[in-house]
Amino acid sequence: MMPELGKYAEAVLSSYAVSLLLILALVVLSIRRSRKVKAELDEIETRRRKNHGQG
């Protein structure tokens, strides 16, 4: 059920669309950043284990 927006329909719907796209972009960027940081932490952890094993 969509309310009647009259002459403001285009502005309101385009605002919703832009907002949804921005939220989606933030989610995607956050997931990508999370994966990158996790990979870096795993690499640091691996190096740390190797160094403790040799010493």
PDB file of N, CA and C in Angstrom:
ATOM      1  N   MET A   1       0.834  -1.174   0.000  1.00  0.00           N
ATOM      2  CA  MET A   1       0.000   0.000   0.000  1.00  0.00           C
ATOM      3  C   MET A   1       0.881   1.240   0.000  1.00  0.00           C
ATOM      4  N   MET A   2       0.767   1.990  -1.028  1.00  0.00           N
ATOM      5  CA  MET A   2       1.563   3.198  -1.186  1.00  0.00           C
ATOM      6  C   MET A   2       0.675   4.415  -0.970  1.00  0.00           C
ATOM      7  N   PRO A   3       1.075   5.320  -0.071  1.00  0.00           N
ATOM      8  CA  PRO A   3       0.268   6.529   0.110  1.00  0.00           C
ATOM      9  C   PRO A   3       0.353   7.428  -1.123  1.00  0.00           C
ATOM     10  N   GLU A   4      -0.646   8.204  -1.342  1.00  0.00           N
ATOM     11  CA  GLU A   4      -0.655   9.145  -2.455  1.00  0.00           C
ATOM     12  C   GLU A   4       0.270  10.303  -2.109  1.00  0.00           C
ATOM     13  N   LEU A   5       1.283  10.512  -2.919  1.00  0.00           N
ATOM     14  CA  LEU A   5       2.275  11.549  -2.633  1.00  0.00           C
ATOM     15  C   LEU A   5       2.066  12.802  -3.477  1.00  0.00           C
ATOM     16  N   GLY A   6       1.174  12.719  -4.426  1.00  0.00           N
ATOM     17  CA  GLY A   6       0.860  13.877  -5.255  1.00  0.00           C
ATOM     18  C   GLY A   6       2.060  14.399  -6.011  1.00  0.00           C
ATOM     19  N   LYS A   7       2.212  15.718  -5.997  1.00  0.00           N
ATOM     20  CA  LYS A   7       3.292  16.333  -6.771  1.00  0.00           C
ATOM     21  C   LYS A   7       4.676  16.088  -6.165  1.00  0.00           C
ATOM     22  N   TYR A   8       4.728  15.544  -4.946  1.00  0.00           N
ATOM     23  CA  TYR A   8       6.005  15.278  -4.292  1.00  0.00           C
ATOM     24  C   TYR A   8       6.498  13.848  -4.497  1.00  0.00           C
ATOM     25  N   ALA A   9       5.761  13.067  -5.243  1.00  0.00           N
ATOM     26  CA  ALA A   9       6.090  11.651  -5.414  1.00  0.00           C
ATOM     27  C   ALA A   9       7.504  11.454  -5.940  1.00  0.00           C
ATOM     28  N   GLU A  10       7.885  12.177  -6.959  1.00  0.00           N
ATOM     29  CA  GLU A  10       9.214  12.004  -7.551  1.00  0.00           C
ATOM     30  C   GLU A  10      10.313  12.334  -6.537  1.00  0.00           C
ATOM     31  N   ALA A  11      10.156  13.430  -5.825  1.00  0.00           N
ATOM     32  CA  ALA A  11      11.172  13.830  -4.853  1.00  0.00           C
ATOM     33  C   ALA A  11      11.276  12.826  -3.704  1.00  0.00           C
ATOM     34  N   VAL A  12      10.139  12.387  -3.202  1.00  0.00           N
ATOM     35  CA  VAL A  12      10.137  11.452  -2.077  1.00  0.00           C
ATOM     36  C   VAL A  12      10.727  10.103  -2.494  1.00  0.00           C
ATOM     37  N   LEU A  13      10.270   9.573  -3.623  1.00  0.00           N
ATOM     38  CA  LEU A  13      10.756   8.266  -4.066  1.00  0.00           C
ATOM     39  C   LEU A  13      12.233   8.303  -4.432  1.00  0.00           C
ATOM     40  N   SER A  14      12.683   9.395  -5.049  1.00  0.00           N
ATOM     41  CA  SER A  14      14.107   9.482  -5.372  1.00  0.00           C
ATOM     42  C   SER A  14      14.939   9.618  -4.097  1.00  0.00           C
ATOM     43  N   SER A  15      14.407  10.294  -3.103  1.00  0.00           N
ATOM     44  CA  SER A  15      15.119  10.390  -1.820  1.00  0.00           C
ATOM     45  C   SER A  15      15.247   9.021  -1.156  1.00  0.00           C
ATOM     46  N   TYR A  16      14.166   8.241  -1.200  1.00  0.00           N
ATOM     47  CA  TYR A  16      14.225   6.876  -0.677  1.00  0.00           C
ATOM     48  C   TYR A  16      15.265   6.053  -1.436  1.00  0.00           C
ATOM     49  N   ALA A  17      15.269   6.171  -2.737  1.00  0.00           N
ATOM     50  CA  ALA A  17      16.210   5.398  -3.555  1.00  0.00           C
ATOM     51  C   ALA A  17      17.651   5.777  -3.229  1.00  0.00           C
ATOM     52  N   VAL A  18      17.932   7.058  -3.134  1.00  0.00           N
ATOM     53  CA  VAL A  18      19.289   7.509  -2.818  1.00  0.00           C
ATOM     54  C   VAL A  18      19.684   7.034  -1.419  1.00  0.00           C
ATOM     55  N   SER A  19      18.785   7.133  -0.480  1.00  0.00           N
ATOM     56  CA  SER A  19      19.075   6.680   0.883  1.00  0.00           C
ATOM     57  C   SER A  19      19.383   5.191   0.923  1.00  0.00           C
ATOM     58  N   LEU A  20      18.582   4.403   0.237  1.00  0.00           N
ATOM     59  CA  LEU A  20      18.822   2.957   0.203  1.00  0.00           C
ATOM     60  C   LEU A  20      20.158   2.630  -0.450  1.00  0.00           C
ATOM     61  N   LEU A  21      20.489   3.327  -1.524  1.00  0.00           N
ATOM     62  CA  LEU A  21      21.779   3.092  -2.178  1.00  0.00           C
ATOM     63  C   LEU A  21      22.946   3.455  -1.274  1.00  0.00           C
ATOM     64  N   LEU A  22      22.831   4.554  -0.542  1.00  0.00           N
ATOM     65  CA  LEU A  22      23.895   4.946   0.376  1.00  0.00           C
ATOM     66  C   LEU A  22      24.058   3.946   1.516  1.00  0.00           C
ATOM     67  N   ILE A  23      22.946   3.476   2.048  1.00  0.00           N
ATOM     68  CA  ILE A  23      23.010   2.465   3.110  1.00  0.00           C
ATOM     69  C   ILE A  23      23.647   1.188   2.579  1.00  0.00           C
ATOM     70  N   LEU A  24      23.250   0.770   1.395  1.00  0.00           N
ATOM     71  CA  LEU A  24      23.833  -0.428   0.788  1.00  0.00           C
ATOM     72  C   LEU A  24      25.332  -0.249   0.574  1.00  0.00           C
ATOM     73  N   ALA A  25      25.738   0.920   0.098  1.00  0.00           N
ATOM     74  CA  ALA A  25      27.160   1.189  -0.110  1.00  0.00           C
ATOM     75  C   ALA A  25      27.927   1.116   1.207  1.00  0.00           C
ATOM     76  N   LEU A  26      27.371   1.671   2.268  1.00  0.00           N
ATOM     77  CA  LEU A  26      28.033   1.611   3.578  1.00  0.00           C
ATOM     78  C   LEU A  26      28.172   0.177   4.072  1.00  0.00           C
ATOM     79  N   VAL A  27      27.147  -0.629   3.863  1.00  0.00           N
ATOM     80  CA  VAL A  27      27.205  -2.031   4.283  1.00  0.00           C
ATOM     81  C   VAL A  27      28.287  -2.771   3.505  1.00  0.00           C
ATOM     82  N   VAL A  28      28.301  -2.574   2.187  1.00  0.00           N
ATOM     83  CA  VAL A  28      29.302  -3.250   1.349  1.00  0.00           C
ATOM     84  C   VAL A  28      30.707  -2.820   1.734  1.00  0.00           C
ATOM     85  N   LEU A  29      30.919  -1.521   1.909  1.00  0.00           N
ATOM     86  CA  LEU A  29      32.245  -1.036   2.303  1.00  0.00           C
ATOM     87  C   LEU A  29      32.658  -1.557   3.677  1.00  0.00           C
ATOM     88  N   SER A  30      31.713  -1.650   4.590  1.00  0.00           N
ATOM     89  CA  SER A  30      32.017  -2.177   5.928  1.00  0.00           C
ATOM     90  C   SER A  30      32.411  -3.644   5.870  1.00  0.00           C
ATOM     91  N   ILE A  31      31.718  -4.420   5.062  1.00  0.00           N
ATOM     92  CA  ILE A  31      32.046  -5.847   4.922  1.00  0.00           C
ATOM     93  C   ILE A  31      33.429  -6.006   4.291  1.00  0.00           C
ATOM     94  N   ARG A  32      33.704  -5.229   3.242  1.00  0.00           N
ATOM     95  CA  ARG A  32      35.022  -5.318   2.600  1.00  0.00           C
ATOM     96  C   ARG A  32      36.129  -4.954   3.573  1.00  0.00           C
ATOM     97  N   ARG A  33      35.917  -3.883   4.336  1.00  0.00           N
ATOM     98  CA  ARG A  33      36.921  -3.446   5.309  1.00  0.00           C
ATOM     99  C   ARG A  33      37.118  -4.505   6.391  1.00  0.00           C
ATOM    100  N   SER A  34      36.035  -5.096   6.835  1.00  0.00           N
ATOM    101  CA  SER A  34      36.104  -6.132   7.851  1.00  0.00           C
ATOM    102  C   SER A  34      36.939  -7.316   7.374  1.00  0.00           C
ATOM    103  N   ARG A  35      36.709  -7.738   6.138  1.00  0.00           N
ATOM    104  CA  ARG A  35      37.484  -8.861   5.584  1.00  0.00           C
ATOM    105  C   ARG A  35      38.958  -8.518   5.475  1.00  0.00           C
ATOM    106  N   LYS A  36      39.257  -7.279   5.059  1.00  0.00           N
ATOM    107  CA  LYS A  36      40.652  -6.859   4.930  1.00  0.00           C
ATOM    108  C   LYS A  36      41.342  -6.845   6.289  1.00  0.00           C
ATOM    109  N   VAL A  37      40.683  -6.280   7.284  1.00  0.00           N
ATOM    110  CA  VAL A  37      41.270  -6.211   8.625  1.00  0.00           C
ATOM    111  C   VAL A  37      41.442  -7.604   9.208  1.00  0.00           C
ATOM    112  N   LYS A  38      40.475  -8.481   8.995  1.00  0.00           N
ATOM    113  CA  LYS A  38      40.583  -9.855   9.488  1.00  0.00           C
ATOM    114  C   LYS A  38      41.775 -10.564   8.859  1.00  0.00           C
ATOM    115  N   ALA A  39      41.968 -10.373   7.559  1.00  0.00           N
ATOM    116  CA  ALA A  39      43.112 -10.990   6.882  1.00  0.00           C
ATOM    117  C   ALA A  39      44.427 -10.450   7.440  1.00  0.00           C
ATOM    118  N   GLU A  40      44.488  -9.140   7.687  1.00  0.00           N
ATOM    119  CA  GLU A  40      45.699  -8.558   8.253  1.00  0.00           C
ATOM    120  C   GLU A  40      45.966  -9.089   9.660  1.00  0.00           C
ATOM    121  N   LEU A  41      44.919  -9.207  10.457  1.00  0.00           N
ATOM    122  CA  LEU A  41      45.095  -9.743  11.807  1.00  0.00           C
ATOM    123  C   LEU A  41      45.526 -11.209  11.782  1.00  0.00           C
ATOM    124  N   ASP A  42      44.971 -11.980  10.859  1.00  0.00           N
ATOM    125  CA  ASP A  42      45.389 -13.376  10.727  1.00  0.00           C
ATOM    126  C   ASP A  42      46.864 -13.468  10.347  1.00  0.00           C
ATOM    127  N   GLU A  43      47.303 -12.581   9.461  1.00  0.00           N
ATOM    128  CA  GLU A  43      48.710 -12.572   9.059  1.00  0.00           C
ATOM    129  C   GLU A  43      49.609 -12.207  10.239  1.00  0.00           C
ATOM    130  N   ILE A  44      49.219 -11.218  11.012  1.00  0.00           N
ATOM    131  CA  ILE A  44      49.995 -10.817  12.183  1.00  0.00           C
ATOM    132  C   ILE A  44      50.044 -11.962  13.198  1.00  0.00           C
ATOM    133  N   GLU A  45      48.907 -12.618  13.392  1.00  0.00           N
ATOM    134  CA  GLU A  45      48.852 -13.747  14.329  1.00  0.00           C
ATOM    135  C   GLU A  45      49.766 -14.883  13.871  1.00  0.00           C
ATOM    136  N   THR A  46      49.775 -15.158  12.580  1.00  0.00           N
ATOM    137  CA  THR A  46      50.634 -16.217  12.040  1.00  0.00           C
ATOM    138  C   THR A  46      52.102 -15.867  12.262  1.00  0.00           C
ATOM    139  N   ARG A  47      52.483 -14.631  11.963  1.00  0.00           N
ATOM    140  CA  ARG A  47      53.871 -14.201  12.175  1.00  0.00           C
ATOM    141  C   ARG A  47      54.255 -14.286  13.643  1.00  0.00           C
ATOM    142  N   ARG A  48      53.324 -13.914  14.506  1.00  0.00           N
ATOM    143  CA  ARG A  48      53.591 -13.934  15.946  1.00  0.00           C
ATOM    144  C   ARG A  48      53.833 -15.364  16.433  1.00  0.00           C
ATOM    145  N   ARG A  49      53.019 -16.284  15.934  1.00  0.00           N
ATOM    146  CA  ARG A  49      53.197 -17.691  16.335  1.00  0.00           C
ATOM    147  C   ARG A  49      54.539 -18.229  15.863  1.00  0.00           C
ATOM    148  N   LYS A  50      54.942 -17.885  14.630  1.00  0.00           N
ATOM    149  CA  LYS A  50      56.225 -18.344  14.089  1.00  0.00           C
ATOM    150  C   LYS A  50      57.365 -17.807  14.925  1.00  0.00           C
ATOM    151  N   ASN A  51      57.307 -16.527  15.291  1.00  0.00           N
ATOM    152  CA  ASN A  51      58.384 -15.915  16.068  1.00  0.00           C
ATOM    153  C   ASN A  51      58.486 -16.513  17.460  1.00  0.00           C
ATOM    154  N   HIS A  52      57.362 -16.816  18.093  1.00  0.00           N
ATOM    155  CA  HIS A  52      57.400 -17.413  19.424  1.00  0.00           C
ATOM    156  C   HIS A  52      57.891 -18.856  19.365  1.00  0.00           C
ATOM    157  N   GLY A  53      57.634 -19.531  18.281  1.00  0.00           N
ATOM    158  CA  GLY A  53      58.077 -20.910  18.136  1.00  0.00           C
ATOM    159  C   GLY A  53      59.572 -21.026  17.935  1.00  0.00           C
ATOM    160  N   GLN A  54      60.190 -20.007  17.339  1.00  0.00           N
ATOM    161  CA  GLN A  54      61.647 -20.036  17.071  1.00  0.00           C
ATOM    162  C   GLN A  54      62.458 -19.590  18.276  1.00  0.00           C
ATOM    163  N   GLY A  55      61.839 -18.753  19.128  1.00  0.00           N
ATOM    164  CA  GLY A  55      62.588 -18.157  20.237  1.00  0.00           C
ATOM    165  C   GLY A  55      62.599 -18.984  21.405  1.00  0.00           C
TER     166      GLY A  55
END
